[in-house]
Every structure is written in C-alpha cells, then in structure tokens.
C-alpha atoms as a PDB file:
ATOM      1  CA  MET A   1     -41.350-150.218 120.965  1.00  0.00           C
ATOM      2  CA  ALA A   2     -44.356-149.343 123.133  1.00  0.00           C
ATOM      3  CA  ASN A   3     -42.070-147.707 125.686  1.00  0.00           C
ATOM      4  CA  PHE A   4     -40.403-145.661 122.962  1.00  0.00           C
ATOM      5  CA  SER A   5     -43.809-144.491 121.689  1.00  0.00           C
ATOM      6  CA  LEU A   6     -44.898-143.480 125.193  1.00  0.00           C
ATOM      7  CA  ASN A   7     -41.685-141.561 125.739  1.00  0.00           C
ATOM      8  CA  ASN A   8     -42.171-139.914 122.367  1.00  0.00           C
ATOM      9  CA  ILE A   9     -45.701-138.832 123.275  1.00  0.00           C
ATOM     10  CA  LEU A  10     -44.584-137.538 126.674  1.00  0.00           C
ATOM     11  CA  GLY A  11     -41.772-135.641 124.996  1.00  0.00           C
ATOM     12  CA  LYS A  12     -44.204-133.961 122.616  1.00  0.00           C
ATOM     13  CA  MET A  13     -46.490-133.045 125.513  1.00  0.00           C
ATOM     14  CA  THR A  14     -43.540-131.483 127.302  1.00  0.00           C
ATOM     15  CA  ASP A  15     -42.624-129.538 124.147  1.00  0.00           C
ATOM     16  CA  ILE A  16     -46.179-128.200 123.836  1.00  0.00           C
ATOM     17  CA  ALA A  17     -46.304-127.236 127.521  1.00  0.00           C
ATOM     18  CA  ALA A  18     -43.028-125.339 127.091  1.00  0.00           C
ATOM     19  CA  HIS A  19     -44.359-123.564 124.011  1.00  0.00           C
ATOM     20  CA  ASN A  20     -47.406-122.482 126.038  1.00  0.00           C
ATOM     21  CA  LEU A  21     -45.214-120.464 128.380  1.00  0.00           C
ATOM     22  CA  LEU A  22     -45.357-116.766 127.557  1.00  0.00           C
ATOM     23  CA  LYS A  23     -41.571-116.427 127.768  1.00  0.00           C
ATOM     24  CA  ASN A  24     -41.213-118.890 124.892  1.00  0.00           C
ATOM     25  CA  ARG A  25     -43.881-117.389 122.661  1.00  0.00           C
ATOM     26  CA  PHE A  26     -42.100-114.101 121.956  1.00  0.00           C
ATOM     27  CA  ARG A  27     -38.442-115.045 122.367  1.00  0.00           C
ATOM     28  CA  GLY A  28     -38.261-114.047 126.010  1.00  0.00           C
ATOM     29  CA  TYR A  29     -40.193-110.784 125.624  1.00  0.00           C
ATOM     30  CA  LEU A  30     -43.258-109.765 127.622  1.00  0.00           C
ATOM     31  CA  PRO A  31     -45.715-108.017 125.244  1.00  0.00           C
ATOM     32  CA  VAL A  32     -47.275-104.857 126.698  1.00  0.00           C
ATOM     33  CA  VAL A  33     -49.890-102.922 124.742  1.00  0.00           C
ATOM     34  CA  ILE A  34     -49.501 -99.130 124.871  1.00  0.00           C
ATOM     35  CA  ASP A  35     -51.467 -96.163 123.568  1.00  0.00           C
ATOM     36  CA  VAL A  36     -50.762 -92.479 124.149  1.00  0.00           C
ATOM     37  CA  GLU A  37     -52.702 -89.296 123.511  1.00  0.00           C
ATOM     38  CA  THR A  38     -50.521 -86.275 122.846  1.00  0.00           C
ATOM     39  CA  ALA A  39     -50.541 -82.559 122.043  1.00  0.00           C
ATOM     40  CA  GLY A  40     -48.792 -83.024 118.709  1.00  0.00           C
ATOM     41  CA  PHE A  41     -46.564 -85.325 116.678  1.00  0.00           C
ATOM     42  CA  ASN A  42     -43.119 -84.345 117.968  1.00  0.00           C
ATOM     43  CA  ALA A  43     -42.153 -86.560 120.911  1.00  0.00           C
ATOM     44  CA  LYS A  44     -39.391 -84.204 122.056  1.00  0.00           C
ATOM     45  CA  THR A  45     -41.427 -80.975 122.113  1.00  0.00           C
ATOM     46  CA  ASP A  46     -45.122 -81.906 122.331  1.00  0.00           C
ATOM     47  CA  ALA A  47     -46.859 -82.926 125.546  1.00  0.00           C
ATOM     48  CA  LEU A  48     -47.759 -86.463 126.503  1.00  0.00           C
ATOM     49  CA  LEU A  49     -51.306 -86.109 127.869  1.00  0.00           C
ATOM     50  CA  GLU A  50     -52.629 -89.608 128.442  1.00  0.00           C
ATOM     51  CA  ILE A  51     -51.149 -93.098 128.543  1.00  0.00           C
ATOM     52  CA  CYS A  52     -52.561 -96.568 128.991  1.00  0.00           C
ATOM     53  CA  ALA A  53     -50.739 -99.882 129.226  1.00  0.00           C
ATOM     54  CA  VAL A  54     -52.228-103.384 129.143  1.00  0.00           C
ATOM     55  CA  THR A  55     -49.988-106.319 130.002  1.00  0.00           C
ATOM     56  CA  LEU A  56     -50.693-109.708 128.430  1.00  0.00           C
ATOM     57  CA  THR A  57     -50.573-113.241 129.752  1.00  0.00           C
ATOM     58  CA  MET A  58     -50.982-116.747 128.383  1.00  0.00           C
ATOM     59  CA  ASP A  59     -53.174-119.485 129.847  1.00  0.00           C
ATOM     60  CA  GLU A  60     -52.060-123.091 130.271  1.00  0.00           C
ATOM     61  CA  ASP A  61     -53.389-123.945 126.819  1.00  0.00           C
ATOM     62  CA  GLY A  62     -51.331-121.242 125.152  1.00  0.00           C
ATOM     63  CA  TRP A  63     -54.073-118.679 124.468  1.00  0.00           C
ATOM     64  CA  LEU A  64     -53.024-115.047 124.798  1.00  0.00           C
ATOM     65  CA  LYS A  65     -55.244-112.671 126.789  1.00  0.00           C
ATOM     66  CA  PRO A  66     -55.133-109.269 128.567  1.00  0.00           C
ATOM     67  CA  ALA A  67     -53.888-109.180 132.146  1.00  0.00           C
ATOM     68  CA  THR A  68     -53.379-105.817 133.933  1.00  0.00           C
ATOM     69  CA  THR A  69     -54.616-102.391 132.781  1.00  0.00           C
ATOM     70  CA  MET A  70     -52.887 -99.166 133.892  1.00  0.00           C
ATOM     71  CA  HIS A  71     -54.305 -95.819 132.787  1.00  0.00           C
ATOM     72  CA  PHE A  72     -53.162 -92.280 133.613  1.00  0.00           C
ATOM     73  CA  HIS A  73     -53.957 -88.733 132.565  1.00  0.00           C
ATOM     74  CA  VAL A  74     -50.678 -86.829 132.337  1.00  0.00           C
ATOM     75  CA  LEU A  75     -49.766 -83.205 132.996  1.00  0.00           C
ATOM     76  CA  PRO A  76     -47.790 -81.457 130.221  1.00  0.00           C
ATOM     77  CA  PHE A  77     -44.113 -81.258 131.069  1.00  0.00           C
ATOM     78  CA  GLU A  78     -42.664 -77.800 131.692  1.00  0.00           C
ATOM     79  CA  GLY A  79     -42.307 -75.893 128.422  1.00  0.00           C
ATOM     80  CA  ALA A  80     -44.282 -78.483 126.428  1.00  0.00           C
ATOM     81  CA  ASN A  81     -45.841 -77.461 123.135  1.00  0.00           C
ATOM     82  CA  LEU A  82     -49.637 -77.817 122.866  1.00  0.00           C
ATOM     83  CA  GLU A  83     -50.997 -77.955 119.326  1.00  0.00           C
ATOM     84  CA  LYS A  84     -54.591 -76.720 119.177  1.00  0.00           C
ATOM     85  CA  GLU A  85     -55.507 -79.179 116.412  1.00  0.00           C
ATOM     86  CA  ALA A  86     -54.223 -82.116 118.439  1.00  0.00           C
ATOM     87  CA  LEU A  87     -56.233 -81.087 121.495  1.00  0.00           C
ATOM     88  CA  GLU A  88     -59.374 -80.777 119.394  1.00  0.00           C
ATOM     89  CA  PHE A  89     -58.723 -84.181 117.871  1.00  0.00           C
ATOM     90  CA  ASN A  90     -58.345 -86.062 121.166  1.00  0.00           C
ATOM     91  CA  GLY A  91     -60.914 -83.966 123.039  1.00  0.00           C
ATOM     92  CA  ILE A  92     -58.542 -82.822 125.812  1.00  0.00           C
ATOM     93  CA  ARG A  93     -59.590 -79.181 125.801  1.00  0.00           C
ATOM     94  CA  ASP A  94     -57.724 -78.118 128.937  1.00  0.00           C
ATOM     95  CA  PRO A  95     -54.709 -80.312 129.771  1.00  0.00           C
ATOM     96  CA  PHE A  96     -54.233 -78.417 133.065  1.00  0.00           C
ATOM     97  CA  SER A  97     -57.795 -78.885 134.342  1.00  0.00           C
ATOM     98  CA  PRO A  98     -57.795 -80.358 137.875  1.00  0.00           C
ATOM     99  CA  LEU A  99     -60.844 -82.391 136.858  1.00  0.00           C
ATOM    100  CA  ARG A 100     -58.557 -84.603 134.753  1.00  0.00           C
ATOM    101  CA  GLY A 101     -56.807 -85.933 137.848  1.00  0.00           C
ATOM    102  CA  ALA A 102     -53.563 -85.808 135.888  1.00  0.00           C
ATOM    103  CA  ILE A 103     -50.165 -86.741 137.286  1.00  0.00           C
ATOM    104  CA  THR A 104     -46.632 -86.071 136.067  1.00  0.00           C
ATOM    105  CA  GLU A 105     -44.871 -88.093 133.383  1.00  0.00           C
ATOM    106  CA  ASP A 106     -42.479 -89.316 136.052  1.00  0.00           C
ATOM    107  CA  GLU A 107     -45.276 -90.673 138.259  1.00  0.00           C
ATOM    108  CA  ALA A 108     -47.167 -92.306 135.394  1.00  0.00           C
ATOM    109  CA  LEU A 109     -44.159 -94.017 133.844  1.00  0.00           C
ATOM    110  CA  LYS A 110     -42.765 -95.188 137.179  1.00  0.00           C
ATOM    111  CA  ALA A 111     -46.091 -96.875 137.980  1.00  0.00           C
ATOM    112  CA  ILE A 112     -46.288 -98.535 134.565  1.00  0.00           C
ATOM    113  CA  PHE A 113     -42.643 -99.607 134.509  1.00  0.00           C
ATOM    114  CA  ARG A 114     -42.922-101.038 138.040  1.00  0.00           C
ATOM    115  CA  GLN A 115     -45.881-103.245 137.112  1.00  0.00           C
ATOM    116  CA  VAL A 116     -44.330-104.286 133.801  1.00  0.00           C
ATOM    117  CA  ARG A 117     -41.109-105.358 135.543  1.00  0.00           C
ATOM    118  CA  LYS A 118     -43.162-107.276 138.121  1.00  0.00           C
ATOM    119  CA  GLU A 119     -45.025-109.270 135.468  1.00  0.00           C
ATOM    120  CA  GLN A 120     -41.875-109.634 133.406  1.00  0.00           C
ATOM    121  CA  LYS A 121     -40.305-111.375 136.403  1.00  0.00           C
ATOM    122  CA  GLN A 122     -43.409-113.527 136.983  1.00  0.00           C
ATOM    123  CA  HIS A 123     -43.221-114.848 133.424  1.00  0.00           C
ATOM    124  CA  ASP A 124     -39.417-115.199 133.511  1.00  0.00           C
ATOM    125  CA  CYS A 125     -39.107-112.827 130.540  1.00  0.00           C
ATOM    126  CA  GLN A 126     -35.870-110.994 129.869  1.00  0.00           C
ATOM    127  CA  ARG A 127     -37.474-107.769 128.659  1.00  0.00           C
ATOM    128  CA  ALA A 128     -40.779-106.134 127.677  1.00  0.00           C
ATOM    129  CA  ILE A 129     -41.700-105.299 124.109  1.00  0.00           C
ATOM    130  CA  MET A 130     -44.216-102.625 123.139  1.00  0.00           C
ATOM    131  CA  VAL A 131     -47.335-103.532 121.180  1.00  0.00           C
ATOM    132  CA  ALA A 132     -49.154-100.571 119.636  1.00  0.00           C
ATOM    133  CA  HIS A 133     -51.125 -99.443 116.608  1.00  0.00           C
ATOM    134  CA  ASN A 134     -48.604 -97.522 114.496  1.00  0.00           C
ATOM    135  CA  ALA A 135     -46.129 -98.433 117.208  1.00  0.00           C
ATOM    136  CA  ASN A 136     -43.310 -96.100 116.189  1.00  0.00           C
ATOM    137  CA  PHE A 137     -45.358 -93.104 117.345  1.00  0.00           C
ATOM    138  CA  ASP A 138     -46.138 -94.468 120.830  1.00  0.00           C
ATOM    139  CA  HIS A 139     -42.637 -95.836 121.287  1.00  0.00           C
ATOM    140  CA  LYS A 140     -41.073 -92.433 120.571  1.00  0.00           C
ATOM    141  CA  PHE A 141     -43.304 -90.636 123.076  1.00  0.00           C
ATOM    142  CA  VAL A 142     -42.727 -93.167 125.853  1.00  0.00           C
ATOM    143  CA  SER A 143     -38.966 -93.099 125.221  1.00  0.00           C
ATOM    144  CA  ALA A 144     -38.849 -89.282 125.194  1.00  0.00           C
ATOM    145  CA  ALA A 145     -40.887 -89.027 128.405  1.00  0.00           C
ATOM    146  CA  SER A 146     -38.681 -91.640 130.048  1.00  0.00           C
ATOM    147  CA  GLN A 147     -35.582 -89.653 129.124  1.00  0.00           C
ATOM    148  CA  ARG A 148     -37.099 -86.403 130.460  1.00  0.00           C
ATOM    149  CA  ALA A 149     -37.896 -88.158 133.744  1.00  0.00           C
ATOM    150  CA  LYS A 150     -34.362 -89.613 133.807  1.00  0.00           C
ATOM    151  CA  LEU A 151     -35.725 -93.124 134.333  1.00  0.00           C
ATOM    152  CA  LYS A 152     -32.848 -95.544 133.937  1.00  0.00           C
ATOM    153  CA  ARG A 153     -34.882 -98.760 134.201  1.00  0.00           C
ATOM    154  CA  ASN A 154     -37.065 -98.566 131.101  1.00  0.00           C
ATOM    155  CA  PRO A 155     -38.230-102.189 130.647  1.00  0.00           C
ATOM    156  CA  PHE A 156     -39.099-101.825 126.957  1.00  0.00           C
ATOM    157  CA  HIS A 157     -36.850-102.874 124.102  1.00  0.00           C
ATOM    158  CA  PRO A 158     -35.130 -99.691 122.833  1.00  0.00           C
ATOM    159  CA  PHE A 159     -36.313-100.064 119.226  1.00  0.00           C
ATOM    160  CA  ALA A 160     -38.191-103.327 118.534  1.00  0.00           C
ATOM    161  CA  THR A 161     -42.012-103.273 118.637  1.00  0.00           C
ATOM    162  CA  PHE A 162     -45.048-105.258 117.512  1.00  0.00           C
ATOM    163  CA  ASP A 163     -47.141-102.994 115.267  1.00  0.00           C
ATOM    164  CA  THR A 164     -50.800-104.055 115.111  1.00  0.00           C
ATOM    165  CA  ALA A 165     -51.371-101.852 112.053  1.00  0.00           C
ATOM    166  CA  ALA A 166     -48.934-104.014 110.089  1.00  0.00           C
ATOM    167  CA  LEU A 167     -50.170-107.256 111.647  1.00  0.00           C
ATOM    168  CA  SER A 168     -53.792-106.329 110.925  1.00  0.00           C
ATOM    169  CA  GLY A 169     -52.899-105.601 107.323  1.00  0.00           C
ATOM    170  CA  LEU A 170     -51.527-109.128 107.062  1.00  0.00           C
ATOM    171  CA  ALA A 171     -54.307-110.862 109.013  1.00  0.00           C
ATOM    172  CA  PHE A 172     -57.388-108.887 107.983  1.00  0.00           C
ATOM    173  CA  GLY A 173     -56.445-106.630 105.080  1.00  0.00           C
ATOM    174  CA  GLN A 174     -57.104-103.552 107.231  1.00  0.00           C
ATOM    175  CA  THR A 175     -54.682-101.112 108.850  1.00  0.00           C
ATOM    176  CA  VAL A 176     -57.095 -98.633 110.504  1.00  0.00           C
ATOM    177  CA  LEU A 177     -57.784 -99.753 114.082  1.00  0.00           C
ATOM    178  CA  ALA A 178     -61.572 -99.454 113.886  1.00  0.00           C
ATOM    179  CA  LYS A 179     -61.793-101.322 110.574  1.00  0.00           C
ATOM    180  CA  ALA A 180     -59.356-104.008 111.696  1.00  0.00           C
ATOM    181  CA  CYS A 181     -61.356-104.623 114.890  1.00  0.00           C
ATOM    182  CA  ARG A 182     -64.645-104.886 113.010  1.00  0.00           C
ATOM    183  CA  THR A 183     -63.132-107.185 110.382  1.00  0.00           C
ATOM    184  CA  ALA A 184     -61.862-109.376 113.221  1.00  0.00           C
ATOM    185  CA  GLY A 185     -65.436-109.607 114.537  1.00  0.00           C
ATOM    186  CA  MET A 186     -64.914-107.188 117.417  1.00  0.00           C
ATOM    187  CA  ASP A 187     -67.057-104.226 118.416  1.00  0.00           C
ATOM    188  CA  PHE A 188     -65.598-100.757 117.998  1.00  0.00           C
ATOM    189  CA  ASP A 189     -67.297 -97.575 119.232  1.00  0.00           C
ATOM    190  CA  ASN A 190     -66.116 -94.537 117.276  1.00  0.00           C
ATOM    191  CA  LYS A 191     -67.398 -92.262 120.056  1.00  0.00           C
ATOM    192  CA  GLU A 192     -64.926 -93.863 122.490  1.00  0.00           C
ATOM    193  CA  ALA A 193     -62.000 -93.762 120.055  1.00  0.00           C
ATOM    194  CA  HIS A 194     -58.955 -91.553 120.678  1.00  0.00           C
ATOM    195  CA  SER A 195     -59.146 -92.230 124.388  1.00  0.00           C
ATOM    196  CA  ALA A 196     -55.967 -93.998 125.453  1.00  0.00           C
ATOM    197  CA  LEU A 197     -57.917 -96.366 127.695  1.00  0.00           C
ATOM    198  CA  TYR A 198     -60.352 -97.442 124.980  1.00  0.00           C
ATOM    199  CA  ASP A 199     -57.819 -97.637 122.165  1.00  0.00           C
ATOM    200  CA  THR A 200     -55.371 -99.669 124.264  1.00  0.00           C
ATOM    201  CA  THR A 201     -58.088-102.077 125.360  1.00  0.00           C
ATOM    202  CA  GLN A 202     -59.184-102.644 121.756  1.00  0.00           C
ATOM    203  CA  THR A 203     -55.612-102.924 120.493  1.00  0.00           C
ATOM    204  CA  ALA A 204     -54.844-105.529 123.172  1.00  0.00           C
ATOM    205  CA  LEU A 205     -57.880-107.591 122.151  1.00  0.00           C
ATOM    206  CA  LEU A 206     -56.950-107.233 118.483  1.00  0.00           C
ATOM    207  CA  PHE A 207     -53.364-108.376 119.059  1.00  0.00           C
ATOM    208  CA  CYS A 208     -54.585-111.367 121.091  1.00  0.00           C
ATOM    209  CA  GLU A 209     -57.035-112.227 118.309  1.00  0.00           C
ATOM    210  CA  ILE A 210     -54.264-112.204 115.700  1.00  0.00           C
ATOM    211  CA  VAL A 211     -51.867-114.295 117.803  1.00  0.00           C
ATOM    212  CA  ASN A 212     -54.590-116.752 118.833  1.00  0.00           C
ATOM    213  CA  LYS A 213     -55.906-117.039 115.266  1.00  0.00           C
ATOM    214  CA  TRP A 214     -52.419-118.022 114.120  1.00  0.00           C
ATOM    215  CA  LYS A 215     -52.385-120.738 116.796  1.00  0.00           C
ATOM    216  CA  GLN A 216     -55.886-121.841 115.836  1.00  0.00           C
ATOM    217  CA  LEU A 217     -54.809-122.220 112.217  1.00  0.00           C
ATOM    218  CA  GLY A 218     -51.978-124.502 113.273  1.00  0.00           C
ATOM    219  CA  GLY A 219     -49.130-122.028 113.080  1.00  0.00           C
ATOM    220  CA  TRP A 220     -48.231-122.426 116.757  1.00  0.00           C
ATOM    221  CA  PRO A 221     -46.740-124.199 118.628  1.00  0.00           C
ATOM    222  CA  LEU A 222     -43.861-124.957 116.319  1.00  0.00           C
ATOM    223  CA  ILE A 223     -42.667-128.423 117.250  1.00  0.00           C
ATOM    224  CA  GLU A 224     -39.285-129.622 116.074  1.00  0.00           C
ATOM    225  CA  PRO A 225     -39.688-132.330 113.395  1.00  0.00           C
ATOM    226  CA  GLU A 226     -38.744-135.812 114.485  1.00  0.00           C
ATOM    227  CA  ALA A 227     -35.333-137.025 113.470  1.00  0.00           C
ATOM    228  CA  PRO A 228     -35.460-140.088 111.215  1.00  0.00           C
ATOM    229  CA  GLU A 229     -34.804-143.363 112.992  1.00  0.00           C
ATOM    230  CA  ALA A 230     -31.317-144.722 112.568  1.00  0.00           C
ATOM    231  CA  THR A 231     -31.084-147.761 110.340  1.00  0.00           C
ATOM    232  CA  GLU A 232     -28.417-150.411 110.494  1.00  0.00           C
END
C-alpha cells in the first residue's frame, strides 16, 4: 500500500511538471504579445508604422513571464494611406523622418518571425498565437503586412488569438488597457501610451498577471481526477 501511495505521489508530481511546460499550457501554442501603431484602421490600405513583439516563457513552477522584446519603427509601404488623425493620435508626425530609424515591413517581420520560430522550437510548440489588446486589429495588420512582404513562414495562427481586452473584462471588469492595468495593481503611464513598445510591455505583463492569477486561485494545473479503486 505504501509503495502504491509513493507511486501515486510521484505520478502527480510528474503530471504537475508536465503542466508547467509552456507547450502544455496553451495546447501547443507559444503566446507572443503584439502591438502595432498604424496610419489608420484599414490593414490593406493604411501604413503599419511601428510594431513590438514580446515572447513569453514559463518558469519551472509554471509561472508565466515575459522573455524577449523586439521593437521596430516601420516605413510606410509604397502607396500606403496616411490618415492625419491617426498620426496625431499616435504622435508619429513624420513617418518618413530618418530620425525614426525605421525599416521596411519585410525587415521588421522577418526579424520578429525568426525569433518567434526560434523560441517556438525551444519550447517544442507547434505554432505561435498572438496576444493583443483588441487582438483582431493587430492580427489583421500583421497578416496584411506579411502578405505584402510575401512571407510564407508566418508563425502565427491564421485566425485564433488571445484578446486581453476580453480577458481583462472577465478578470478585472475593465476592457480599456490603462484601467485594466491599474485594476490589476500595475502602473500605467498615460504619457507613454500609444507607443508600441510601452503598450506591448504592459499588455504582456497584464496577460501574465491574468494567467498567473488563475493558477494562484487553483484553476491550473488541471490534474486528471483519480480513477476509483477497483473492488472485488
């Protein structure tokens, strides 16, 4: 009986260790937080001007945390539409200014995709999945830019995303990024907002807070219930 109990305990420990692998937390997907700044709302016609990506990792105890940050200013693609209101909103007054140090969509996405695939392989994940605040918007712009650059190896799922606006509504009763962060006990500087680097960093921390809070409350790992002992 003692041997059975020890084996049972060791089995549970093995189950927990397996659950603490990132590949098992999100059904084989590597979560990557993305934020874009653009010159409008139409992904096919309006310029992508700034993009940031933050990959995530999981420690040996199963806590999610940020890993690698990649941030690029992006030159408008040829013939791109530039809405004046959008430029005023995100503070990018001159998208063609050499002071921005901007690179092409092709260069920015290739660098991001390369790093995402590298970490995807490290974690033995089958694909990446985009995490973003109002994720449909960011997903459309990344997909459109990828198509313009004719990049065949887009690591992101073609339509599935994790939307932190929806998750924050569930977890904190807030859907605005700044309010959700503050409700979660995080700092949020409105003066830094609408910069892809800042917004992605905060969104990554917010997503980790939500996932880790669920674990803290006992919602993860999900261990299979024991089968009842056979009786003669």
